[in-house]
C-alpha atoms as a PDB file:
ATOM      1  CA  UNK A   1      -0.184   0.019   0.153  1.00  0.00           C
ATOM      2  CA  UNK A   2       2.365   2.551   1.001  1.00  0.00           C
ATOM      3  CA  UNK A   3       4.779   2.260  -2.065  1.00  0.00           C
ATOM      4  CA  UNK A   4       1.272   2.566  -4.639  1.00  0.00           C
ATOM      5  CA  UNK A   5       1.141   5.829  -2.168  1.00  0.00           C
ATOM      6  CA  UNK A   6       4.764   6.540  -3.435  1.00  0.00           C
ATOM      7  CA  UNK A   7       4.228   5.904  -6.941  1.00  0.00           C
ATOM      8  CA  UNK A   8       1.260   7.634  -6.723  1.00  0.00           C
ATOM      9  CA  UNK A   9       2.738  11.011  -5.135  1.00  0.00           C
ATOM     10  CA  UNK A  10       5.841  10.870  -7.621  1.00  0.00           C
ATOM     11  CA  UNK A  11       3.335  10.364 -10.768  1.00  0.00           C
ATOM     12  CA  UNK A  12       1.361  13.747 -10.015  1.00  0.00           C
ATOM     13  CA  UNK A  13       4.890  15.562  -9.237  1.00  0.00           C
ATOM     14  CA  UNK A  14       5.768  14.007 -12.745  1.00  0.00           C
ATOM     15  CA  UNK A  15       2.928  14.931 -13.839  1.00  0.00           C
ATOM     16  CA  UNK A  16       3.284  18.995 -12.740  1.00  0.00           C
ATOM     17  CA  UNK A  17       6.613  19.639 -13.932  1.00  0.00           C
ATOM     18  CA  UNK A  18       6.323  18.716 -17.370  1.00  0.00           C
ATOM     19  CA  UNK A  19       5.547  21.834 -18.435  1.00  0.00           C
ATOM     20  CA  UNK A  20       3.148  24.266 -19.297  1.00  0.00           C
ATOM     21  CA  UNK A  21      -0.643  22.826 -19.424  1.00  0.00           C
ATOM     22  CA  UNK A  22      -2.150  23.312 -22.592  1.00  0.00           C
ATOM     23  CA  UNK A  23      -4.716  25.463 -21.619  1.00  0.00           C
ATOM     24  CA  UNK A  24      -1.563  27.848 -20.714  1.00  0.00           C
ATOM     25  CA  UNK A  25       0.059  27.518 -23.998  1.00  0.00           C
ATOM     26  CA  UNK A  26      -2.541  28.525 -26.250  1.00  0.00           C
ATOM     27  CA  UNK A  27      -2.859  31.238 -23.953  1.00  0.00           C
ATOM     28  CA  UNK A  28       0.443  32.597 -24.702  1.00  0.00           C
ATOM     29  CA  UNK A  29      -0.360  31.791 -27.784  1.00  0.00           C
ATOM     30  CA  UNK A  30      -4.117  34.493 -28.178  1.00  0.00           C
ATOM     31  CA  UNK A  31      -1.994  36.762 -26.220  1.00  0.00           C
ATOM     32  CA  UNK A  32      -1.343  40.091 -27.815  1.00  0.00           C
ATOM     33  CA  UNK A  33       3.082  40.838 -27.002  1.00  0.00           C
ATOM     34  CA  UNK A  34       1.165  44.386 -25.535  1.00  0.00           C
ATOM     35  CA  UNK A  35      -1.579  45.738 -25.391  1.00  0.00           C
ATOM     36  CA  UNK A  36      -1.736  49.655 -23.930  1.00  0.00           C
ATOM     37  CA  UNK A  37      -5.223  52.169 -23.684  1.00  0.00           C
ATOM     38  CA  UNK A  38      -5.731  55.530 -22.307  1.00  0.00           C
ATOM     39  CA  UNK A  39      -8.744  57.778 -21.291  1.00  0.00           C
ATOM     40  CA  UNK A  40      -8.596  61.907 -21.090  1.00  0.00           C
ATOM     41  CA  UNK A  41     -12.119  61.735 -19.702  1.00  0.00           C
ATOM     42  CA  UNK A  42     -15.370  61.652 -20.750  1.00  0.00           C
ATOM     43  CA  UNK A  43     -18.037  64.143 -21.147  1.00  0.00           C
ATOM     44  CA  UNK A  44     -20.484  66.277 -22.804  1.00  0.00           C
ATOM     45  CA  UNK A  45     -17.246  66.477 -26.131  1.00  0.00           C
ATOM     46  CA  UNK A  46     -18.883  66.599 -29.059  1.00  0.00           C
ATOM     47  CA  UNK A  47     -18.156  68.044 -32.346  1.00  0.00           C
ATOM     48  CA  UNK A  48     -20.189  71.476 -32.292  1.00  0.00           C
ATOM     49  CA  UNK A  49     -18.204  72.300 -29.079  1.00  0.00           C
ATOM     50  CA  UNK A  50     -14.400  71.600 -30.095  1.00  0.00           C
ATOM     51  CA  UNK A  51     -12.538  73.915 -32.771  1.00  0.00           C
ATOM     52  CA  UNK A  52     -10.057  72.220 -35.371  1.00  0.00           C
ATOM     53  CA  UNK A  53      -6.953  73.677 -33.343  1.00  0.00           C
ATOM     54  CA  UNK A  54      -8.286  72.678 -30.047  1.00  0.00           C
ATOM     55  CA  UNK A  55      -9.469  69.227 -31.978  1.00  0.00           C
ATOM     56  CA  UNK A  56      -5.931  68.685 -33.111  1.00  0.00           C
ATOM     57  CA  UNK A  57      -4.525  69.772 -29.637  1.00  0.00           C
ATOM     58  CA  UNK A  58      -6.368  66.821 -28.015  1.00  0.00           C
ATOM     59  CA  UNK A  59      -5.596  64.387 -30.971  1.00  0.00           C
ATOM     60  CA  UNK A  60      -1.863  65.334 -30.562  1.00  0.00           C
ATOM     61  CA  UNK A  61      -1.313  64.954 -26.796  1.00  0.00           C
ATOM     62  CA  UNK A  62      -3.575  61.866 -26.765  1.00  0.00           C
ATOM     63  CA  UNK A  63      -1.075  60.714 -29.645  1.00  0.00           C
ATOM     64  CA  UNK A  64       1.941  61.437 -27.764  1.00  0.00           C
ATOM     65  CA  UNK A  65       0.564  59.700 -24.463  1.00  0.00           C
ATOM     66  CA  UNK A  66       0.259  56.193 -26.532  1.00  0.00           C
ATOM     67  CA  UNK A  67       3.594  56.703 -28.132  1.00  0.00           C
ATOM     68  CA  UNK A  68       5.635  56.777 -24.749  1.00  0.00           C
ATOM     69  CA  UNK A  69       3.825  54.411 -23.230  1.00  0.00           C
ATOM     70  CA  UNK A  70       3.961  51.986 -26.255  1.00  0.00           C
ATOM     71  CA  UNK A  71       7.971  52.754 -26.367  1.00  0.00           C
ATOM     72  CA  UNK A  72       7.874  50.923 -23.195  1.00  0.00           C
ATOM     73  CA  UNK A  73       6.224  48.344 -24.145  1.00  0.00           C
ATOM     74  CA  UNK A  74       7.518  47.641 -27.054  1.00  0.00           C
ATOM     75  CA  UNK A  75      11.294  47.824 -25.687  1.00  0.00           C
ATOM     76  CA  UNK A  76      10.352  44.812 -22.767  1.00  0.00           C
ATOM     77  CA  UNK A  77       8.727  47.084 -20.080  1.00  0.00           C
ATOM     78  CA  UNK A  78       6.932  46.524 -17.138  1.00  0.00           C
ATOM     79  CA  UNK A  79       2.967  47.492 -17.286  1.00  0.00           C
ATOM     80  CA  UNK A  80       3.752  49.484 -14.684  1.00  0.00           C
ATOM     81  CA  UNK A  81       6.383  51.648 -15.778  1.00  0.00           C
ATOM     82  CA  UNK A  82       4.076  52.113 -19.574  1.00  0.00           C
ATOM     83  CA  UNK A  83       1.183  53.722 -16.833  1.00  0.00           C
ATOM     84  CA  UNK A  84       3.019  55.948 -14.592  1.00  0.00           C
ATOM     85  CA  UNK A  85       5.296  56.863 -17.735  1.00  0.00           C
ATOM     86  CA  UNK A  86       1.674  57.722 -19.886  1.00  0.00           C
ATOM     87  CA  UNK A  87      -0.033  59.149 -16.846  1.00  0.00           C
ATOM     88  CA  UNK A  88       3.056  61.572 -15.690  1.00  0.00           C
ATOM     89  CA  UNK A  89       2.505  62.965 -19.378  1.00  0.00           C
ATOM     90  CA  UNK A  90      -1.132  63.659 -19.129  1.00  0.00           C
ATOM     91  CA  UNK A  91       0.198  65.102 -15.691  1.00  0.00           C
ATOM     92  CA  UNK A  92       1.943  67.752 -17.453  1.00  0.00           C
ATOM     93  CA  UNK A  93      -0.629  68.503 -19.872  1.00  0.00           C
ATOM     94  CA  UNK A  94      -2.450  71.375 -18.940  1.00  0.00           C
ATOM     95  CA  UNK A  95      -5.426  70.511 -21.516  1.00  0.00           C
ATOM     96  CA  UNK A  96      -6.612  67.642 -19.094  1.00  0.00           C
ATOM     97  CA  UNK A  97      -7.605  67.794 -15.562  1.00  0.00           C
ATOM     98  CA  UNK A  98      -4.291  65.990 -14.098  1.00  0.00           C
ATOM     99  CA  UNK A  99      -1.800  67.997 -12.365  1.00  0.00           C
ATOM    100  CA  UNK A 100      -0.638  70.791 -14.618  1.00  0.00           C
ATOM    101  CA  UNK A 101      -3.946  71.911 -15.539  1.00  0.00           C
ATOM    102  CA  UNK A 102      -6.363  70.549 -12.804  1.00  0.00           C
ATOM    103  CA  UNK A 103     -10.038  71.993 -12.166  1.00  0.00           C
ATOM    104  CA  UNK A 104      -9.998  74.328  -8.599  1.00  0.00           C
ATOM    105  CA  UNK A 105     -12.312  73.650  -5.136  1.00  0.00           C
ATOM    106  CA  UNK A 106     -14.752  76.187  -4.106  1.00  0.00           C
ATOM    107  CA  UNK A 107     -11.476  77.926  -2.702  1.00  0.00           C
ATOM    108  CA  UNK A 108      -9.838  77.927  -5.187  1.00  0.00           C
ATOM    109  CA  UNK A 109      -7.033  75.496  -5.098  1.00  0.00           C
ATOM    110  CA  UNK A 110      -5.701  72.494  -6.528  1.00  0.00           C
ATOM    111  CA  UNK A 111      -6.282  69.433  -4.987  1.00  0.00           C
ATOM    112  CA  UNK A 112      -4.972  66.233  -6.756  1.00  0.00           C
ATOM    113  CA  UNK A 113      -5.901  62.235  -7.044  1.00  0.00           C
ATOM    114  CA  UNK A 114      -4.741  59.358  -8.052  1.00  0.00           C
ATOM    115  CA  UNK A 115      -3.856  55.927  -7.682  1.00  0.00           C
ATOM    116  CA  UNK A 116      -1.861  53.305  -9.176  1.00  0.00           C
ATOM    117  CA  UNK A 117      -2.061  48.963  -8.801  1.00  0.00           C
ATOM    118  CA  UNK A 118       0.280  46.315 -10.045  1.00  0.00           C
ATOM    119  CA  UNK A 119      -2.111  43.412 -11.429  1.00  0.00           C
ATOM    120  CA  UNK A 120       0.937  41.146 -10.871  1.00  0.00           C
ATOM    121  CA  UNK A 121       1.359  41.213  -7.043  1.00  0.00           C
ATOM    122  CA  UNK A 122      -2.027  42.897  -7.181  1.00  0.00           C
ATOM    123  CA  UNK A 123       0.187  45.582  -4.571  1.00  0.00           C
ATOM    124  CA  UNK A 124      -1.861  49.256  -4.817  1.00  0.00           C
ATOM    125  CA  UNK A 125      -1.012  52.800  -4.136  1.00  0.00           C
ATOM    126  CA  UNK A 126      -3.561  56.183  -3.744  1.00  0.00           C
ATOM    127  CA  UNK A 127      -2.951  59.518  -2.759  1.00  0.00           C
ATOM    128  CA  UNK A 128      -6.168  62.176  -1.887  1.00  0.00           C
ATOM    129  CA  UNK A 129      -6.357  65.633  -1.616  1.00  0.00           C
ATOM    130  CA  UNK A 130      -2.202  66.875  -2.234  1.00  0.00           C
ATOM    131  CA  UNK A 131      -2.075  70.615  -3.029  1.00  0.00           C
ATOM    132  CA  UNK A 132       1.649  70.077  -4.070  1.00  0.00           C
ATOM    133  CA  UNK A 133       2.961  67.133  -5.641  1.00  0.00           C
ATOM    134  CA  UNK A 134       3.885  67.712  -9.348  1.00  0.00           C
ATOM    135  CA  UNK A 135       3.131  64.332  -9.985  1.00  0.00           C
ATOM    136  CA  UNK A 136       0.643  62.906  -8.088  1.00  0.00           C
ATOM    137  CA  UNK A 137       1.291  59.070 -10.128  1.00  0.00           C
ATOM    138  CA  UNK A 138       4.519  58.836  -8.804  1.00  0.00           C
ATOM    139  CA  UNK A 139       3.274  59.727  -5.614  1.00  0.00           C
ATOM    140  CA  UNK A 140       0.932  56.858  -5.665  1.00  0.00           C
ATOM    141  CA  UNK A 141       3.447  54.194  -6.818  1.00  0.00           C
ATOM    142  CA  UNK A 142       5.591  55.504  -4.478  1.00  0.00           C
ATOM    143  CA  UNK A 143       3.278  54.853  -1.776  1.00  0.00           C
ATOM    144  CA  UNK A 144       2.764  51.452  -3.340  1.00  0.00           C
ATOM    145  CA  UNK A 145       6.781  50.755  -2.807  1.00  0.00           C
ATOM    146  CA  UNK A 146       7.637  52.487  -0.478  1.00  0.00           C
ATOM    147  CA  UNK A 147       4.663  52.360   2.575  1.00  0.00           C
ATOM    148  CA  UNK A 148       2.755  49.834   3.972  1.00  0.00           C
ATOM    149  CA  UNK A 149       0.187  51.216   3.342  1.00  0.00           C
ATOM    150  CA  UNK A 150      -2.673  51.873   0.122  1.00  0.00           C
ATOM    151  CA  UNK A 151      -3.767  55.322   0.477  1.00  0.00           C
ATOM    152  CA  UNK A 152      -2.526  58.727   2.093  1.00  0.00           C
ATOM    153  CA  UNK A 153      -3.963  61.668   1.936  1.00  0.00           C
ATOM    154  CA  UNK A 154      -3.640  65.751   2.317  1.00  0.00           C
ATOM    155  CA  UNK A 155      -0.542  66.951   4.420  1.00  0.00           C
ATOM    156  CA  UNK A 156       0.345  62.858   5.828  1.00  0.00           C
ATOM    157  CA  UNK A 157       0.514  61.973   1.664  1.00  0.00           C
ATOM    158  CA  UNK A 158       3.030  64.941   1.735  1.00  0.00           C
ATOM    159  CA  UNK A 159       5.277  64.530   4.107  1.00  0.00           C
ATOM    160  CA  UNK A 160       5.600  61.386   2.380  1.00  0.00           C
ATOM    161  CA  UNK A 161       6.466  62.818  -1.089  1.00  0.00           C
ATOM    162  CA  UNK A 162       8.714  65.047   0.145  1.00  0.00           C
ATOM    163  CA  UNK A 163      10.687  61.717   2.648  1.00  0.00           C
ATOM    164  CA  UNK A 164      11.230  60.001  -0.830  1.00  0.00           C
ATOM    165  CA  UNK A 165      12.269  63.223  -2.701  1.00  0.00           C
ATOM    166  CA  UNK A 166       9.857  63.621  -4.993  1.00  0.00           C
ATOM    167  CA  UNK A 167       9.776  66.871  -6.840  1.00  0.00           C
ATOM    168  CA  UNK A 168       7.606  69.460  -5.140  1.00  0.00           C
ATOM    169  CA  UNK A 169       5.641  72.549  -6.514  1.00  0.00           C
ATOM    170  CA  UNK A 170       4.359  75.637  -5.870  1.00  0.00           C
ATOM    171  CA  UNK A 171       0.492  75.565  -6.274  1.00  0.00           C
ATOM    172  CA  UNK A 172       1.699  78.344  -9.571  1.00  0.00           C
ATOM    173  CA  UNK A 173       2.055  74.804 -11.571  1.00  0.00           C
ATOM    174  CA  UNK A 174      -1.470  74.142 -11.894  1.00  0.00           C
ATOM    175  CA  UNK A 175      -2.353  76.858 -12.856  1.00  0.00           C
ATOM    176  CA  UNK A 176      -4.254  77.840 -15.701  1.00  0.00           C
ATOM    177  CA  UNK A 177      -6.145  80.347 -16.993  1.00  0.00           C
ATOM    178  CA  UNK A 178      -9.498  77.976 -18.930  1.00  0.00           C
ATOM    179  CA  UNK A 179     -10.021  76.221 -15.452  1.00  0.00           C
ATOM    180  CA  UNK A 180     -10.052  79.046 -13.211  1.00  0.00           C
ATOM    181  CA  UNK A 181     -12.324  80.022 -15.431  1.00  0.00           C
ATOM    182  CA  UNK A 182     -14.968  77.197 -14.979  1.00  0.00           C
ATOM    183  CA  UNK A 183     -14.245  78.449 -11.705  1.00  0.00           C
ATOM    184  CA  UNK A 184     -15.773  81.196 -11.503  1.00  0.00           C
ATOM    185  CA  UNK A 185     -18.925  80.079 -13.867  1.00  0.00           C
ATOM    186  CA  UNK A 186     -19.582  77.780 -11.172  1.00  0.00           C
ATOM    187  CA  UNK A 187     -19.816  79.422  -8.417  1.00  0.00           C
ATOM    188  CA  UNK A 188     -22.373  82.338 -10.611  1.00  0.00           C
ATOM    189  CA  UNK A 189     -24.164  79.445 -11.557  1.00  0.00           C
ATOM    190  CA  UNK A 190     -24.364  78.147  -7.579  1.00  0.00           C
ATOM    191  CA  UNK A 191     -25.159  82.097  -6.301  1.00  0.00           C
ATOM    192  CA  UNK A 192     -27.981  82.070  -9.025  1.00  0.00           C
ATOM    193  CA  UNK A 193     -28.989  78.370  -7.881  1.00  0.00           C
ATOM    194  CA  UNK A 194     -29.273  79.455  -4.555  1.00  0.00           C
ATOM    195  CA  UNK A 195     -31.518  82.769  -5.173  1.00  0.00           C
ATOM    196  CA  UNK A 196     -34.294  80.667  -7.049  1.00  0.00           C
ATOM    197  CA  UNK A 197     -33.875  78.236  -4.840  1.00  0.00           C
ATOM    198  CA  UNK A 198     -33.414  75.507  -7.902  1.00  0.00           C
ATOM    199  CA  UNK A 199     -30.000  73.833  -6.469  1.00  0.00           C
ATOM    200  CA  UNK A 200     -28.411  71.210  -8.878  1.00  0.00           C
ATOM    201  CA  UNK A 201     -25.952  68.834  -7.250  1.00  0.00           C
ATOM    202  CA  UNK A 202     -22.695  69.925  -8.215  1.00  0.00           C
ATOM    203  CA  UNK A 203     -22.267  66.236  -9.340  1.00  0.00           C
ATOM    204  CA  UNK A 204     -24.443  66.742 -11.809  1.00  0.00           C
ATOM    205  CA  UNK A 205     -23.051  69.791 -14.134  1.00  0.00           C
ATOM    206  CA  UNK A 206     -20.555  68.978 -16.664  1.00  0.00           C
ATOM    207  CA  UNK A 207     -17.483  70.965 -14.306  1.00  0.00           C
ATOM    208  CA  UNK A 208     -16.452  66.841 -13.227  1.00  0.00           C
ATOM    209  CA  UNK A 209     -14.809  65.843 -16.490  1.00  0.00           C
ATOM    210  CA  UNK A 210     -11.284  65.874 -17.804  1.00  0.00           C
ATOM    211  CA  UNK A 211      -9.761  62.404 -15.188  1.00  0.00           C
ATOM    212  CA  UNK A 212      -6.526  61.120 -16.928  1.00  0.00           C
ATOM    213  CA  UNK A 213      -5.932  56.942 -16.599  1.00  0.00           C
ATOM    214  CA  UNK A 214      -3.729  54.034 -18.492  1.00  0.00           C
ATOM    215  CA  UNK A 215      -4.394  50.361 -18.681  1.00  0.00           C
ATOM    216  CA  UNK A 216      -1.411  47.519 -20.377  1.00  0.00           C
ATOM    217  CA  UNK A 217      -0.506  44.910 -20.811  1.00  0.00           C
ATOM    218  CA  UNK A 218       3.751  43.694 -21.201  1.00  0.00           C
ATOM    219  CA  UNK A 219       5.535  40.769 -22.957  1.00  0.00           C
ATOM    220  CA  UNK A 220       5.767  39.120 -19.363  1.00  0.00           C
ATOM    221  CA  UNK A 221       1.722  38.970 -19.473  1.00  0.00           C
ATOM    222  CA  UNK A 222       1.714  41.539 -16.567  1.00  0.00           C
ATOM    223  CA  UNK A 223      -1.029  44.509 -16.342  1.00  0.00           C
ATOM    224  CA  UNK A 224      -1.600  47.197 -14.559  1.00  0.00           C
ATOM    225  CA  UNK A 225      -3.462  49.884 -14.286  1.00  0.00           C
ATOM    226  CA  UNK A 226      -3.601  53.764 -12.974  1.00  0.00           C
ATOM    227  CA  UNK A 227      -5.704  56.649 -12.303  1.00  0.00           C
ATOM    228  CA  UNK A 228      -5.005  60.731 -11.881  1.00  0.00           C
ATOM    229  CA  UNK A 229      -7.851  63.149 -11.309  1.00  0.00           C
ATOM    230  CA  UNK A 230      -8.499  67.384  -9.989  1.00  0.00           C
ATOM    231  CA  UNK A 231     -11.290  65.991  -9.130  1.00  0.00           C
ATOM    232  CA  UNK A 232     -15.022  68.338  -9.886  1.00  0.00           C
ATOM    233  CA  UNK A 233     -14.806  71.617 -10.260  1.00  0.00           C
ATOM    234  CA  UNK A 234     -16.090  73.907  -7.306  1.00  0.00           C
ATOM    235  CA  UNK A 235     -16.076  70.644  -4.867  1.00  0.00           C
ATOM    236  CA  UNK A 236     -15.795  71.447  -1.703  1.00  0.00           C
ATOM    237  CA  UNK A 237     -14.841  69.621   2.045  1.00  0.00           C
ATOM    238  CA  UNK A 238     -11.339  67.785   0.452  1.00  0.00           C
ATOM    239  CA  UNK A 239     -14.148  65.505  -1.529  1.00  0.00           C
ATOM    240  CA  UNK A 240     -12.375  62.989  -3.032  1.00  0.00           C
ATOM    241  CA  UNK A 241     -14.169  60.738  -5.760  1.00  0.00           C
ATOM    242  CA  UNK A 242     -13.580  57.930  -7.317  1.00  0.00           C
ATOM    243  CA  UNK A 243      -9.618  57.727  -9.612  1.00  0.00           C
ATOM    244  CA  UNK A 244      -8.100  57.517  -5.934  1.00  0.00           C
ATOM    245  CA  UNK A 245     -10.313  54.432  -4.360  1.00  0.00           C
ATOM    246  CA  UNK A 246      -9.245  50.907  -5.515  1.00  0.00           C
ATOM    247  CA  UNK A 247     -11.577  49.455  -6.573  1.00  0.00           C
ATOM    248  CA  UNK A 248     -14.021  51.928  -7.907  1.00  0.00           C
ATOM    249  CA  UNK A 249     -11.551  54.346 -10.600  1.00  0.00           C
ATOM    250  CA  UNK A 250      -9.211  51.500 -10.944  1.00  0.00           C
ATOM    251  CA  UNK A 251      -8.227  47.988 -10.351  1.00  0.00           C
ATOM    252  CA  UNK A 252      -5.810  45.067 -12.374  1.00  0.00           C
ATOM    253  CA  UNK A 253      -5.125  41.889 -11.896  1.00  0.00           C
ATOM    254  CA  UNK A 254      -3.271  39.311 -13.794  1.00  0.00           C
ATOM    255  CA  UNK A 255      -6.102  36.638 -13.813  1.00  0.00           C
ATOM    256  CA  UNK A 256      -8.598  38.857 -15.324  1.00  0.00           C
ATOM    257  CA  UNK A 257      -7.696  42.792 -16.890  1.00  0.00           C
ATOM    258  CA  UNK A 258      -6.787  46.082 -15.977  1.00  0.00           C
ATOM    259  CA  UNK A 259      -9.324  49.504 -15.353  1.00  0.00           C
ATOM    260  CA  UNK A 260      -9.385  52.651 -14.952  1.00  0.00           C
ATOM    261  CA  UNK A 261     -12.297  54.593 -15.296  1.00  0.00           C
ATOM    262  CA  UNK A 262     -13.727  58.965 -15.713  1.00  0.00           C
ATOM    263  CA  UNK A 263     -16.979  60.808 -15.185  1.00  0.00           C
ATOM    264  CA  UNK A 264     -19.311  60.717 -12.576  1.00  0.00           C
ATOM    265  CA  UNK A 265     -17.166  59.790  -9.650  1.00  0.00           C
ATOM    266  CA  UNK A 266     -20.311  59.193  -6.060  1.00  0.00           C
ATOM    267  CA  UNK A 267     -21.546  56.699  -9.277  1.00  0.00           C
ATOM    268  CA  UNK A 268     -18.004  54.461  -9.494  1.00  0.00           C
ATOM    269  CA  UNK A 269     -17.885  54.505  -6.350  1.00  0.00           C
ATOM    270  CA  UNK A 270     -21.167  53.165  -5.191  1.00  0.00           C
ATOM    271  CA  UNK A 271     -21.109  50.456  -7.391  1.00  0.00           C
ATOM    272  CA  UNK A 272     -17.069  49.473  -7.125  1.00  0.00           C
ATOM    273  CA  UNK A 273     -17.080  50.037 -10.804  1.00  0.00           C
ATOM    274  CA  UNK A 274     -13.306  48.213 -11.848  1.00  0.00           C
ATOM    275  CA  UNK A 275     -14.047  45.743  -9.947  1.00  0.00           C
ATOM    276  CA  UNK A 276     -16.963  45.073 -10.951  1.00  0.00           C
ATOM    277  CA  UNK A 277     -15.480  44.666 -14.374  1.00  0.00           C
ATOM    278  CA  UNK A 278     -12.975  42.435 -13.047  1.00  0.00           C
ATOM    279  CA  UNK A 279     -15.652  40.568 -11.613  1.00  0.00           C
ATOM    280  CA  UNK A 280     -17.698  39.214 -13.865  1.00  0.00           C
ATOM    281  CA  UNK A 281     -15.172  38.765 -16.262  1.00  0.00           C
ATOM    282  CA  UNK A 282     -14.300  36.175 -13.146  1.00  0.00           C
ATOM    283  CA  UNK A 283     -16.875  35.005 -11.974  1.00  0.00           C
ATOM    284  CA  UNK A 284     -19.281  34.462 -15.279  1.00  0.00           C
ATOM    285  CA  UNK A 285     -17.357  34.157 -17.854  1.00  0.00           C
ATOM    286  CA  UNK A 286     -17.990  36.876 -19.938  1.00  0.00           C
ATOM    287  CA  UNK A 287     -16.180  38.682 -22.345  1.00  0.00           C
ATOM    288  CA  UNK A 288     -14.027  42.015 -21.883  1.00  0.00           C
ATOM    289  CA  UNK A 289     -16.572  43.816 -24.228  1.00  0.00           C
ATOM    290  CA  UNK A 290     -19.570  41.968 -22.761  1.00  0.00           C
ATOM    291  CA  UNK A 291     -18.722  42.881 -18.710  1.00  0.00           C
ATOM    292  CA  UNK A 292     -17.709  46.772 -19.693  1.00  0.00           C
ATOM    293  CA  UNK A 293     -20.623  47.357 -22.090  1.00  0.00           C
ATOM    294  CA  UNK A 294     -23.065  45.843 -19.114  1.00  0.00           C
ATOM    295  CA  UNK A 295     -21.546  48.341 -16.337  1.00  0.00           C
ATOM    296  CA  UNK A 296     -20.805  51.060 -18.012  1.00  0.00           C
ATOM    297  CA  UNK A 297     -24.521  51.125 -20.871  1.00  0.00           C
ATOM    298  CA  UNK A 298     -26.756  49.232 -18.737  1.00  0.00           C
ATOM    299  CA  UNK A 299     -26.225  49.084 -15.005  1.00  0.00           C
ATOM    300  CA  UNK A 300     -24.651  52.665 -14.927  1.00  0.00           C
ATOM    301  CA  UNK A 301     -27.293  53.726 -16.719  1.00  0.00           C
ATOM    302  CA  UNK A 302     -29.980  53.141 -14.567  1.00  0.00           C
ATOM    303  CA  UNK A 303     -28.280  54.097 -11.712  1.00  0.00           C
ATOM    304  CA  UNK A 304     -28.230  57.638 -13.362  1.00  0.00           C
ATOM    305  CA  UNK A 305     -24.213  57.548 -13.466  1.00  0.00           C
ATOM    306  CA  UNK A 306     -22.534  59.405 -16.828  1.00  0.00           C
ATOM    307  CA  UNK A 307     -18.898  58.194 -17.784  1.00  0.00           C
ATOM    308  CA  UNK A 308     -16.973  55.956 -19.260  1.00  0.00           C
ATOM    309  CA  UNK A 309     -13.662  53.834 -18.274  1.00  0.00           C
ATOM    310  CA  UNK A 310     -10.701  51.887 -20.048  1.00  0.00           C
ATOM    311  CA  UNK A 311      -9.917  48.382 -19.902  1.00  0.00           C
ATOM    312  CA  UNK A 312      -7.666  45.787 -21.305  1.00  0.00           C
ATOM    313  CA  UNK A 313      -7.565  41.790 -20.543  1.00  0.00           C
ATOM    314  CA  UNK A 314      -4.718  38.947 -19.949  1.00  0.00           C
ATOM    315  CA  UNK A 315      -4.873  38.321 -24.188  1.00  0.00           C
ATOM    316  CA  UNK A 316      -4.719  42.161 -24.820  1.00  0.00           C
ATOM    317  CA  UNK A 317      -8.051  42.841 -25.577  1.00  0.00           C
ATOM    318  CA  UNK A 318      -9.193  46.230 -24.958  1.00  0.00           C
ATOM    319  CA  UNK A 319     -12.318  48.181 -24.388  1.00  0.00           C
ATOM    320  CA  UNK A 320     -13.278  51.659 -24.213  1.00  0.00           C
ATOM    321  CA  UNK A 321     -17.216  52.066 -23.437  1.00  0.00           C
ATOM    322  CA  UNK A 322     -18.505  55.221 -22.391  1.00  0.00           C
ATOM    323  CA  UNK A 323     -22.586  56.840 -21.757  1.00  0.00           C
ATOM    324  CA  UNK A 324     -21.785  60.571 -21.946  1.00  0.00           C
ATOM    325  CA  UNK A 325     -21.379  62.117 -25.803  1.00  0.00           C
ATOM    326  CA  UNK A 326     -18.095  61.705 -26.306  1.00  0.00           C
ATOM    327  CA  UNK A 327     -14.094  60.312 -24.623  1.00  0.00           C
ATOM    328  CA  UNK A 328     -11.206  61.320 -25.155  1.00  0.00           C
ATOM    329  CA  UNK A 329      -9.488  57.788 -25.308  1.00  0.00           C
ATOM    330  CA  UNK A 330      -6.575  55.931 -27.465  1.00  0.00           C
ATOM    331  CA  UNK A 331      -5.248  52.063 -27.752  1.00  0.00           C
ATOM    332  CA  UNK A 332      -1.861  51.132 -29.280  1.00  0.00           C
ATOM    333  CA  UNK A 333      -0.767  47.097 -29.391  1.00  0.00           C
ATOM    334  CA  UNK A 334       1.092  45.826 -32.326  1.00  0.00           C
ATOM    335  CA  UNK A 335      -0.115  46.589 -35.919  1.00  0.00           C
ATOM    336  CA  UNK A 336      -2.703  49.203 -34.199  1.00  0.00           C
ATOM    337  CA  UNK A 337      -2.654  52.195 -32.925  1.00  0.00           C
ATOM    338  CA  UNK A 338      -5.781  54.349 -32.689  1.00  0.00           C
ATOM    339  CA  UNK A 339      -7.288  57.927 -30.930  1.00  0.00           C
ATOM    340  CA  UNK A 340     -10.573  59.165 -30.968  1.00  0.00           C
ATOM    341  CA  UNK A 341     -12.507  61.550 -28.838  1.00  0.00           C
ATOM    342  CA  UNK A 342     -16.269  61.538 -30.152  1.00  0.00           C
ATOM    343  CA  UNK A 343     -18.759  58.164 -30.146  1.00  0.00           C
END
């Protein structure tokens, strides 16, 4: 009896040591060498409201961001590096509501949020309400890799940034005239509403869009996701949206997909949108396209939430659904690259 048991154990070990299973081999064969997707926010974005020059500027910025991330992936770099460096570029571009060009709070400040998640380890880092960190996505990654925590906020996050040598800037760095005018417009609308008694939920106004994000699959089959934002124009009380919340605005796991969201943050938080995409792909067997389309165009619409997301699965397939009028977005993988703005 002992000899039989020993033989079974040895045979089992032998079988498990004979390389990958046919399924794993097939997965590798089906998987694209790399894949990348980006977004620059969703909202009321129409051709009628866009000048040719402005459209060209957005298209060029999105294309430049794709080039940065794709070059990293082409050269064998990690999905995490591609996500971080792509978002750094978008944070430094004043066209988007992240980093330089971030929207203003009710008090006239720029409060920045970001998060990142490594699909290979499922480690994550996030920051909220920072005002002096040039690139919040770098700080989010530092929180993930150099602290025992997942999320840091406010002064503590800035102290951590300083202690870890991240670049700090004067608040003037984030200022743009366009965002300042948007705040004045929002304050004026608020005054009128208070006089008439017709108060609108501020998060329902078109003052909140412009969040940036990136998802990537690298040559080693690892996924990563990141999101960065200035939040919502005229926000108060240190409000945080979905962007810095793991599972709401950002999620990544190598077994299924990586997701970054943009839009009406309160709804993305309530329904854990980024994690819900992963859960539907993992537990129901839905394709990435099926899962994201259901969540964005059915579930969120029924609940009253507006926005969109980008996602890439473990095979490199990309999904970019949105239920608003437009979403700045783009994707790249071997043999194909595209930038889009409208429906």
